[in-house]
Amino acid sequence: MQFRRPPQNASRPDNYILANLPDTEYALLSRSLLRVDLPQGFQFAGPADVMPFVYFPISGVVSTDALTEAGESIEIGVTGNEGIVGTSSLLGQTEIMHSIVMQVAGQGYRAPVTASQELMRRCGGFTELVYQHITLQMLQMGQSALCNRLHDVKSRLARWLLTASERNNSEQLTLTQEFLSQMLGSRRSTVTVMAGELQRDGLIEYSRGKILIKDREALQSSACECYRIVSSAYRRALHAERDVA
């Protein structure tokens, strides 16, 4: 079910970027890496915050959300162990523009922004991997904007569940209906009805905040085209062969 290519170096943390760094670059970065727990609800940053660290998830799901002044939110990006959290700070942006929160609990590694910036200045492999991640995130955010405007809640819900399960490398997710309504920008009652339809059709099993994908193929058929566009792009990029020194 995993869409990412297996790490080049199985002895390293199970994060695509860390696993595919050239040996010399990983040796430099590893001096600053610290393993951390990332519980559900952990706030990496909010609007106008400064992030002193970048994070490399090895499990769980990270959500990037756009917020209104009234506190309403909608998800525009999802990151798992294929990526890095904190690219704005890494690129010199002093203030974060969105809310970044841990939506499915997991673990990861963090490194000071300063150490990561120094690695980007000195080494090309890390820079290439970071830019690849940013490119995929930009695709995901652009497609999310189109999806939230044009597609119905049921197909968007199916898309989100598939995407989150891929990032988490698991068919089971711990998610409340309140969270899903915030991520989809829809009323909770609407999400409840759509989740109920997916459950009655045998695509998912939902109980007490836990969702199990039972028929992935059928769920893919229910998802909008945005899922296939973004997922295919991630597969092409992360399965491409890389030369690791």
Protein backbone atom coordinates (compact mmCIF):
# COMPACT_ATOMS: atom_id res chain seq x y z
CA MET A 1 0.00 0.00 0.00
CA GLN A 2 2.96 2.34 0.50
CA PHE A 3 3.39 4.70 -2.43
CA ARG A 4 6.92 5.85 -1.62
CA ARG A 5 10.04 4.06 -2.77
CA PRO A 6 11.84 2.08 -0.03
CA PRO A 7 14.71 4.02 1.56
CA GLN A 8 18.14 3.73 -0.01
CA ASN A 9 19.69 3.11 3.41
CA ALA A 10 17.59 0.95 5.71
CA SER A 11 19.84 1.73 8.70
CA ARG A 12 18.73 5.36 8.67
CA PRO A 13 15.45 6.84 9.99
CA ASP A 14 12.41 5.88 7.92
CA ASN A 15 12.05 9.30 6.35
CA TYR A 16 12.48 9.63 2.59
CA ILE A 17 14.73 12.68 2.72
CA LEU A 18 16.99 11.37 5.50
CA ALA A 19 17.18 7.92 3.93
CA ASN A 20 18.18 9.29 0.52
CA LEU A 21 20.78 11.85 1.55
CA PRO A 22 24.34 11.22 0.32
CA ASP A 23 26.40 9.66 3.11
CA THR A 24 28.58 12.74 3.62
CA GLU A 25 25.55 15.02 3.94
CA TYR A 26 23.72 12.67 6.29
CA ALA A 27 26.83 12.50 8.50
CA LEU A 28 26.79 16.29 8.79
CA LEU A 29 23.06 16.56 9.50
CA SER A 30 22.93 13.61 11.90
CA ARG A 31 24.99 15.55 14.44
CA SER A 32 22.00 17.83 14.94
CA LEU A 33 19.15 15.31 14.68
CA LEU A 34 17.04 14.57 17.75
CA ARG A 35 14.26 11.98 17.82
CA VAL A 36 10.96 13.37 19.12
CA ASP A 37 7.42 12.18 19.79
CA LEU A 38 4.76 13.98 17.76
CA PRO A 39 1.41 13.53 19.55
CA GLN A 40 -1.91 14.26 17.91
CA GLY A 41 -2.59 17.98 18.10
CA PHE A 42 1.08 18.96 18.37
CA GLN A 43 1.36 22.49 16.98
CA PHE A 44 4.51 22.93 14.93
CA ALA A 45 3.62 26.55 14.22
CA GLY A 46 0.78 28.97 13.69
CA PRO A 47 0.47 32.12 11.59
CA ALA A 48 3.23 34.66 12.41
CA ASP A 49 5.17 32.09 14.49
CA VAL A 50 8.87 31.48 14.00
CA MET A 51 10.02 27.85 13.71
CA PRO A 52 13.47 27.20 15.22
CA PHE A 53 13.45 23.59 14.01
CA VAL A 54 12.63 21.60 10.90
CA TYR A 55 11.08 18.16 11.33
CA PHE A 56 11.47 14.89 9.45
CA PRO A 57 8.43 12.69 10.26
CA ILE A 58 8.90 8.93 10.32
CA SER A 59 5.25 8.17 11.13
CA GLY A 60 1.96 10.00 11.49
CA VAL A 61 0.33 12.74 9.41
CA VAL A 62 1.07 16.47 9.45
CA SER A 63 -1.58 18.93 8.25
CA THR A 64 -0.96 22.42 6.85
CA ASP A 65 -4.08 24.54 7.23
CA ALA A 66 -5.14 27.94 5.93
CA LEU A 67 -7.02 30.00 8.54
CA THR A 68 -9.48 32.87 8.45
CA GLU A 69 -9.51 35.73 10.96
CA ALA A 70 -12.58 34.11 12.50
CA GLY A 71 -10.61 30.93 13.17
CA GLU A 72 -12.13 28.80 10.42
CA SER A 73 -9.70 26.46 8.71
CA ILE A 74 -9.29 24.24 5.70
CA GLU A 75 -6.48 21.85 4.95
CA ILE A 76 -4.24 22.68 2.01
CA GLY A 77 -1.40 20.19 2.46
CA VAL A 78 -0.53 16.83 4.03
CA THR A 79 2.95 15.57 4.90
CA GLY A 80 4.11 12.15 6.06
CA ASN A 81 7.43 10.38 6.19
CA GLU A 82 8.13 11.33 2.57
CA GLY A 83 8.83 14.93 3.51
CA ILE A 84 10.00 17.70 5.80
CA VAL A 85 8.09 20.18 7.96
CA GLY A 86 9.27 23.78 8.17
CA THR A 87 10.43 24.57 4.66
CA SER A 88 9.43 28.23 4.95
CA SER A 89 11.87 28.74 7.81
CA LEU A 90 14.47 26.68 5.99
CA LEU A 91 14.24 29.06 3.04
CA GLY A 92 14.58 32.15 5.23
CA GLN A 93 10.92 33.09 5.73
CA THR A 94 10.93 34.42 9.30
CA GLU A 95 7.19 34.00 9.93
CA ILE A 96 4.98 31.01 9.14
CA MET A 97 1.91 31.87 7.04
CA HIS A 98 -0.29 28.89 7.93
CA SER A 99 -1.08 26.56 10.81
CA ILE A 100 0.94 23.34 10.90
CA VAL A 101 -0.36 20.64 13.23
CA MET A 102 0.06 16.92 13.87
CA GLN A 103 -3.28 15.34 12.91
CA VAL A 104 -2.34 11.66 13.28
CA ALA A 105 0.14 10.95 16.07
CA GLY A 106 3.60 9.72 15.15
CA GLN A 107 7.30 10.27 15.63
CA GLY A 108 10.09 12.02 13.83
CA TYR A 109 13.43 13.77 14.02
CA ARG A 110 14.08 17.47 14.36
CA ALA A 111 17.10 19.59 13.52
CA PRO A 112 17.80 23.29 14.10
CA VAL A 113 16.87 25.49 11.15
CA THR A 114 20.36 27.00 11.24
CA ALA A 115 22.06 23.61 10.85
CA SER A 116 19.73 22.67 8.01
CA GLN A 117 20.30 25.98 6.25
CA GLU A 118 24.04 25.46 6.48
CA LEU A 119 23.66 22.02 4.89
CA MET A 120 21.68 23.58 2.02
CA ARG A 121 24.43 26.12 1.46
CA ARG A 122 27.17 23.50 1.45
CA CYS A 123 25.59 20.47 -0.20
CA GLY A 124 23.51 19.79 -3.29
CA GLY A 125 21.83 16.51 -2.39
CA PHE A 126 19.85 17.91 0.54
CA THR A 127 18.86 20.97 -1.48
CA GLU A 128 17.58 18.78 -4.33
CA LEU A 129 15.46 16.67 -1.96
CA VAL A 130 14.02 19.74 -0.23
CA TYR A 131 13.12 21.34 -3.58
CA GLN A 132 11.49 18.10 -4.70
CA HIS A 133 9.37 18.12 -1.55
CA ILE A 134 8.40 21.77 -2.07
CA THR A 135 7.41 21.08 -5.68
CA LEU A 136 5.14 18.22 -4.62
CA GLN A 137 3.62 20.34 -1.85
CA MET A 138 2.89 23.13 -4.33
CA LEU A 139 1.12 20.64 -6.60
CA GLN A 140 -0.87 19.32 -3.65
CA MET A 141 -1.88 22.81 -2.49
CA GLY A 142 -2.90 23.92 -5.97
CA GLN A 143 -4.97 20.79 -6.51
CA SER A 144 -6.57 21.22 -3.08
CA ALA A 145 -7.71 24.73 -4.04
CA LEU A 146 -9.40 23.36 -7.17
CA CYS A 147 -10.84 20.39 -5.30
CA ASN A 148 -12.35 22.47 -2.48
CA ARG A 149 -14.02 24.72 -5.03
CA LEU A 150 -15.38 22.18 -7.53
CA HIS A 151 -15.85 18.74 -5.98
CA ASP A 152 -18.52 17.39 -3.65
CA VAL A 153 -17.89 16.51 -0.02
CA LYS A 154 -18.13 12.74 -0.46
CA SER A 155 -15.45 12.57 -3.16
CA ARG A 156 -13.23 14.98 -1.20
CA LEU A 157 -13.65 12.87 1.94
CA ALA A 158 -12.60 9.76 0.02
CA ARG A 159 -9.59 11.66 -1.37
CA TRP A 160 -8.55 12.83 2.08
CA LEU A 161 -8.83 9.38 3.67
CA LEU A 162 -6.73 7.82 0.90
CA THR A 163 -4.10 10.55 1.09
CA ALA A 164 -3.85 10.39 4.88
CA SER A 165 -3.56 6.60 4.86
CA GLU A 166 -0.72 6.78 2.34
CA ARG A 167 1.18 9.35 4.40
CA ASN A 168 0.62 7.27 7.54
CA ASN A 169 1.38 3.94 5.79
CA SER A 170 -1.68 2.43 7.42
CA GLU A 171 -5.27 1.62 6.49
CA GLN A 172 -6.39 2.76 9.94
CA LEU A 173 -6.68 6.40 11.01
CA THR A 174 -7.67 8.01 14.29
CA LEU A 175 -9.82 10.97 13.28
CA THR A 176 -12.90 12.67 14.71
CA GLN A 177 -15.75 13.96 12.56
CA GLU A 178 -15.05 17.43 13.91
CA PHE A 179 -11.50 17.23 12.59
CA LEU A 180 -12.68 15.94 9.22
CA SER A 181 -15.18 18.77 8.89
CA GLN A 182 -12.43 21.32 9.60
CA MET A 183 -10.07 19.74 7.09
CA LEU A 184 -12.74 19.60 4.38
CA GLY A 185 -14.21 23.01 5.15
CA SER A 186 -17.69 21.47 5.50
CA ARG A 187 -20.34 21.21 8.19
CA ARG A 188 -19.90 18.36 10.63
CA SER A 189 -23.40 17.09 9.87
CA THR A 190 -22.55 16.87 6.16
CA VAL A 191 -19.35 14.95 6.83
CA THR A 192 -21.27 12.61 9.15
CA VAL A 193 -23.74 11.79 6.37
CA MET A 194 -20.99 11.23 3.78
CA ALA A 195 -18.95 9.04 6.13
CA GLY A 196 -22.10 7.05 6.83
CA GLU A 197 -22.64 6.47 3.11
CA LEU A 198 -19.06 5.25 2.66
CA GLN A 199 -19.55 2.90 5.61
CA ARG A 200 -22.86 1.53 4.33
CA ASP A 201 -21.23 0.87 0.96
CA GLY A 202 -18.55 -1.19 2.74
CA LEU A 203 -15.68 1.13 1.82
CA ILE A 204 -14.76 2.14 5.38
CA GLU A 205 -15.52 1.19 8.95
CA TYR A 206 -15.97 4.11 11.33
CA SER A 207 -16.36 3.87 15.10
CA ARG A 208 -15.37 6.12 18.01
CA GLY A 209 -13.00 8.29 16.05
CA LYS A 210 -11.27 5.39 14.31
CA ILE A 211 -11.57 4.87 10.56
CA LEU A 212 -10.52 1.66 8.84
CA ILE A 213 -10.31 1.55 5.04
CA LYS A 214 -11.88 -1.79 4.08
CA ASP A 215 -12.06 -1.54 0.29
CA ARG A 216 -9.29 0.71 -1.01
CA GLU A 217 -10.04 0.11 -4.68
CA ALA A 218 -13.68 1.09 -4.27
CA LEU A 219 -12.70 4.12 -2.19
CA GLN A 220 -10.38 5.21 -4.99
CA SER A 221 -13.31 5.00 -7.40
CA SER A 222 -15.32 7.26 -5.07
CA ALA A 223 -12.52 9.83 -4.79
CA CYS A 224 -12.29 12.77 -7.17
CA GLU A 225 -9.63 13.01 -9.87
CA CYS A 226 -7.48 15.16 -7.58
CA TYR A 227 -6.44 12.10 -5.59
CA ARG A 228 -5.15 10.32 -8.68
CA ILE A 229 -3.35 13.40 -10.00
CA VAL A 230 -1.46 14.10 -6.78
CA SER A 231 -0.84 10.48 -5.82
CA SER A 232 0.57 9.68 -9.27
CA ALA A 233 2.92 12.66 -9.07
CA TYR A 234 4.21 11.53 -5.67
CA ARG A 235 4.75 7.99 -6.92
CA ARG A 236 6.68 9.14 -9.99
CA ALA A 237 8.90 11.45 -7.97
CA LEU A 238 9.60 9.19 -5.00
CA HIS A 239 10.18 6.06 -7.05
CA ALA A 240 12.73 7.73 -9.32
CA GLU A 241 16.19 6.29 -9.01
CA ARG A 242 18.72 8.39 -7.11
CA ASP A 243 22.49 8.11 -6.88
CA VAL A 244 23.65 8.17 -3.28
CA ALA A 245 27.34 8.78 -2.59
